[in-house]
N, C-alpha and C. Protein backbone atom coordinates (compact mmCIF):
# COMPACT_ATOMS: atom_id res chain seq x y z
N MET A 1 9.61 -0.86 -16.78
CA MET A 1 8.61 -0.82 -15.93
C MET A 1 9.06 -0.97 -14.46
N LYS A 2 8.56 -0.21 -13.51
CA LYS A 2 8.89 -0.34 -12.17
C LYS A 2 7.66 -0.52 -11.39
N ILE A 3 7.72 -1.57 -10.50
CA ILE A 3 6.57 -1.93 -9.65
C ILE A 3 6.82 -1.31 -8.20
N THR A 4 5.81 -0.56 -7.64
CA THR A 4 6.03 -0.14 -6.35
C THR A 4 4.81 -0.58 -5.48
N LEU A 5 5.08 -1.17 -4.46
CA LEU A 5 3.96 -1.68 -3.49
C LEU A 5 3.77 -0.58 -2.47
N LEU A 6 2.52 0.01 -2.28
CA LEU A 6 2.47 0.99 -1.33
C LEU A 6 1.54 0.39 -0.25
N LEU A 7 2.01 0.44 0.97
CA LEU A 7 1.39 -0.16 2.08
C LEU A 7 0.89 0.92 3.02
N ALA A 8 -0.31 0.67 3.50
CA ALA A 8 -0.89 1.61 4.43
C ALA A 8 -0.45 1.16 5.89
N GLY A 9 0.60 1.89 6.51
CA GLY A 9 0.97 1.66 7.93
C GLY A 9 1.88 0.33 7.80
N LYS A 10 2.75 0.26 8.78
CA LYS A 10 3.70 -0.80 8.91
C LYS A 10 2.89 -1.95 9.54
N THR A 11 3.22 -3.15 9.00
CA THR A 11 2.51 -4.34 9.50
C THR A 11 3.20 -4.90 10.75
N THR A 12 2.21 -5.34 11.71
CA THR A 12 2.92 -5.96 12.83
C THR A 12 2.67 -7.48 12.89
N VAL A 13 2.03 -8.02 11.78
CA VAL A 13 1.79 -9.43 11.68
C VAL A 13 2.95 -10.10 11.05
N SER A 14 3.64 -10.90 11.78
CA SER A 14 4.92 -11.51 11.33
C SER A 14 4.84 -12.23 9.97
N TYR A 15 3.82 -13.01 9.79
CA TYR A 15 3.61 -13.74 8.52
C TYR A 15 3.45 -12.91 7.34
N VAL A 16 2.79 -11.75 7.56
CA VAL A 16 2.59 -10.82 6.42
C VAL A 16 3.80 -10.09 6.02
N ALA A 17 4.66 -9.68 7.03
CA ALA A 17 5.97 -9.08 6.88
C ALA A 17 6.89 -10.14 6.03
N GLU A 18 6.96 -11.38 6.58
CA GLU A 18 7.83 -12.40 5.95
C GLU A 18 7.30 -12.72 4.46
N GLY A 19 6.09 -12.79 4.25
CA GLY A 19 5.60 -13.01 2.93
C GLY A 19 5.88 -11.84 1.98
N THR A 20 5.82 -10.63 2.47
CA THR A 20 6.08 -9.41 1.72
C THR A 20 7.59 -9.35 1.31
N GLU A 21 8.44 -9.71 2.33
CA GLU A 21 9.94 -9.77 2.00
C GLU A 21 10.29 -10.90 1.06
N SER A 22 9.65 -12.03 1.24
CA SER A 22 9.97 -13.10 0.29
C SER A 22 9.45 -12.79 -1.10
N PHE A 23 8.38 -12.23 -1.37
CA PHE A 23 7.83 -11.87 -2.54
C PHE A 23 8.88 -10.69 -3.16
N ALA A 24 9.24 -9.76 -2.35
CA ALA A 24 10.11 -8.78 -2.87
C ALA A 24 11.39 -9.31 -3.37
N GLY A 25 11.89 -10.29 -2.67
CA GLY A 25 13.26 -10.88 -3.02
C GLY A 25 13.08 -11.64 -4.37
N ARG A 26 11.92 -12.26 -4.51
CA ARG A 26 11.82 -13.08 -5.79
C ARG A 26 11.48 -12.18 -6.92
N ILE A 27 10.65 -11.16 -6.78
CA ILE A 27 10.32 -10.30 -7.99
C ILE A 27 11.46 -9.41 -8.46
N LYS A 28 12.24 -9.08 -7.54
CA LYS A 28 13.45 -8.10 -7.80
C LYS A 28 14.39 -8.70 -8.86
N ARG A 29 14.39 -10.09 -9.03
CA ARG A 29 15.29 -10.72 -10.06
C ARG A 29 14.69 -10.47 -11.40
N TYR A 30 13.44 -10.21 -11.55
CA TYR A 30 12.87 -9.97 -12.89
C TYR A 30 12.33 -8.57 -13.18
N ASN A 31 12.30 -7.74 -12.22
CA ASN A 31 11.71 -6.46 -12.46
C ASN A 31 12.11 -5.44 -11.35
N ALA A 32 12.21 -4.17 -11.70
CA ALA A 32 12.46 -3.23 -10.58
C ALA A 32 11.35 -3.15 -9.67
N PHE A 33 11.55 -3.27 -8.37
CA PHE A 33 10.54 -3.36 -7.41
C PHE A 33 10.90 -2.55 -6.13
N ASP A 34 9.92 -1.88 -5.57
CA ASP A 34 10.17 -1.11 -4.40
C ASP A 34 8.88 -1.16 -3.54
N ILE A 35 9.17 -1.01 -2.17
CA ILE A 35 8.12 -1.07 -1.25
C ILE A 35 8.14 0.33 -0.47
N LYS A 36 7.01 1.01 -0.49
CA LYS A 36 6.89 2.32 0.29
C LYS A 36 5.77 2.15 1.30
N VAL A 37 6.10 2.39 2.47
CA VAL A 37 5.14 2.32 3.60
C VAL A 37 4.57 3.74 4.01
N ILE A 38 3.28 3.87 3.66
CA ILE A 38 2.64 5.16 4.05
C ILE A 38 2.36 5.12 5.53
N PRO A 39 2.94 6.18 6.29
CA PRO A 39 2.83 6.12 7.78
C PRO A 39 1.32 6.36 8.21
N ASP A 40 0.97 5.74 9.28
CA ASP A 40 -0.36 5.89 9.95
C ASP A 40 -0.61 7.34 10.19
N ILE A 41 -1.89 7.68 10.16
CA ILE A 41 -2.23 9.11 10.38
C ILE A 41 -2.28 9.30 11.85
N LYS A 42 -1.69 10.39 12.23
CA LYS A 42 -1.67 10.78 13.71
C LYS A 42 -3.02 11.53 14.06
N ASN A 43 -3.28 11.45 15.39
CA ASN A 43 -4.40 12.08 16.05
C ASN A 43 -5.77 11.87 15.31
N THR A 44 -6.02 10.55 15.19
CA THR A 44 -7.25 10.19 14.47
C THR A 44 -8.38 10.07 15.55
N ARG A 45 -8.09 10.34 16.79
CA ARG A 45 -9.07 10.17 17.81
C ARG A 45 -10.28 11.05 17.62
N ASN A 46 -9.97 12.34 17.10
CA ASN A 46 -11.07 13.39 16.94
C ASN A 46 -11.47 13.39 15.48
N MET A 47 -11.15 12.30 14.61
CA MET A 47 -11.59 12.35 13.32
C MET A 47 -12.61 11.06 13.00
N GLY A 48 -13.55 11.40 12.22
CA GLY A 48 -14.58 10.29 11.92
C GLY A 48 -13.80 9.32 10.81
N GLN A 49 -14.41 8.13 10.64
CA GLN A 49 -13.93 7.19 9.87
C GLN A 49 -13.72 7.65 8.38
N ASP A 50 -14.72 8.32 7.86
CA ASP A 50 -14.61 8.89 6.58
C ASP A 50 -13.47 9.85 6.39
N GLN A 51 -13.31 10.64 7.41
CA GLN A 51 -12.22 11.73 7.30
C GLN A 51 -10.81 10.98 7.36
N VAL A 52 -10.78 9.96 8.19
CA VAL A 52 -9.48 9.13 8.15
C VAL A 52 -9.17 8.62 6.77
N LYS A 53 -10.24 8.03 6.15
CA LYS A 53 -9.94 7.39 4.90
C LYS A 53 -9.65 8.48 3.80
N ASP A 54 -10.22 9.67 3.86
CA ASP A 54 -9.91 10.73 2.91
C ASP A 54 -8.40 11.18 3.13
N GLU A 55 -7.97 11.25 4.35
CA GLU A 55 -6.54 11.56 4.65
C GLU A 55 -5.63 10.59 4.12
N GLU A 56 -5.96 9.28 4.25
CA GLU A 56 -5.14 8.19 3.86
C GLU A 56 -5.16 8.19 2.21
N CYS A 57 -6.31 8.44 1.69
CA CYS A 57 -6.33 8.55 0.22
C CYS A 57 -5.41 9.72 -0.35
N LEU A 58 -5.41 10.83 0.26
CA LEU A 58 -4.41 11.95 -0.13
C LEU A 58 -3.07 11.53 -0.04
N MET A 59 -2.69 10.82 1.14
CA MET A 59 -1.32 10.37 1.29
C MET A 59 -0.90 9.37 0.12
N PHE A 60 -1.77 8.55 -0.28
CA PHE A 60 -1.48 7.58 -1.32
C PHE A 60 -1.37 8.45 -2.68
N PHE A 61 -2.26 9.36 -2.90
CA PHE A 61 -2.04 10.11 -4.23
C PHE A 61 -0.85 11.00 -4.26
N ARG A 62 -0.23 11.21 -3.12
CA ARG A 62 1.08 12.03 -3.23
C ARG A 62 2.16 11.16 -3.84
N HIS A 63 1.94 9.87 -3.85
CA HIS A 63 2.99 8.91 -4.33
C HIS A 63 2.75 8.48 -5.80
N LEU A 64 1.59 8.95 -6.38
CA LEU A 64 1.32 8.47 -7.70
C LEU A 64 1.49 9.58 -8.69
N ASN A 65 1.71 9.02 -9.93
CA ASN A 65 1.74 10.00 -11.16
C ASN A 65 0.57 9.75 -12.02
N PRO A 66 0.15 10.72 -12.86
CA PRO A 66 -1.00 10.53 -13.73
C PRO A 66 -0.82 9.30 -14.67
N SER A 67 0.37 8.92 -15.07
CA SER A 67 0.66 7.88 -15.94
C SER A 67 0.67 6.52 -15.30
N ASP A 68 0.62 6.40 -13.93
CA ASP A 68 0.73 5.22 -13.26
C ASP A 68 -0.48 4.29 -13.46
N THR A 69 -0.30 3.07 -13.36
CA THR A 69 -1.39 2.07 -13.36
C THR A 69 -1.50 1.56 -11.93
N VAL A 70 -2.74 1.63 -11.46
CA VAL A 70 -2.97 1.38 -9.96
C VAL A 70 -3.79 -0.06 -9.96
N VAL A 71 -3.28 -0.85 -9.01
CA VAL A 71 -4.09 -2.08 -8.78
C VAL A 71 -4.34 -2.13 -7.24
N LEU A 72 -5.68 -2.24 -6.90
CA LEU A 72 -5.95 -2.17 -5.45
C LEU A 72 -6.17 -3.60 -5.02
N LEU A 73 -5.40 -3.91 -3.96
CA LEU A 73 -5.55 -5.29 -3.30
C LEU A 73 -6.34 -5.12 -1.96
N ASP A 74 -7.32 -5.95 -1.85
CA ASP A 74 -8.27 -5.83 -0.62
C ASP A 74 -8.60 -7.30 -0.22
N GLU A 75 -8.50 -7.53 0.99
CA GLU A 75 -8.89 -8.85 1.53
C GLU A 75 -10.29 -9.18 1.42
N HIS A 76 -11.22 -8.13 1.13
CA HIS A 76 -12.56 -8.37 0.89
C HIS A 76 -13.06 -7.91 -0.46
N GLY A 77 -12.12 -7.90 -1.40
CA GLY A 77 -12.25 -7.44 -2.70
C GLY A 77 -13.18 -8.43 -3.55
N ASP A 78 -13.44 -7.99 -4.80
CA ASP A 78 -14.32 -8.77 -5.67
C ASP A 78 -13.64 -8.88 -7.03
N ASP A 79 -13.45 -10.07 -7.55
CA ASP A 79 -12.69 -10.36 -8.73
C ASP A 79 -13.63 -10.43 -9.88
N SER A 80 -14.82 -9.94 -9.85
CA SER A 80 -15.76 -10.11 -10.90
C SER A 80 -15.62 -9.09 -12.07
N LEU A 81 -14.48 -8.60 -12.32
CA LEU A 81 -14.19 -7.63 -13.35
C LEU A 81 -14.46 -8.08 -14.83
């Protein structure tokens, strides 16, 4: 099994970048792990919020295979599954 962390845009917050690198270093000892940064969408000035979300979604789907298991992490998520 290979774990890939897909990130939307490069982070500029130092503690998030440090935490991500720390996690990557620890998990690589036990499992194949990779980080892929999906670049920010260009020219969003003329796009609506829903259109930007749709474009980001398409960019994420290009990195997924039908057999992949996807776990979505969101700071406003709900864990009541």
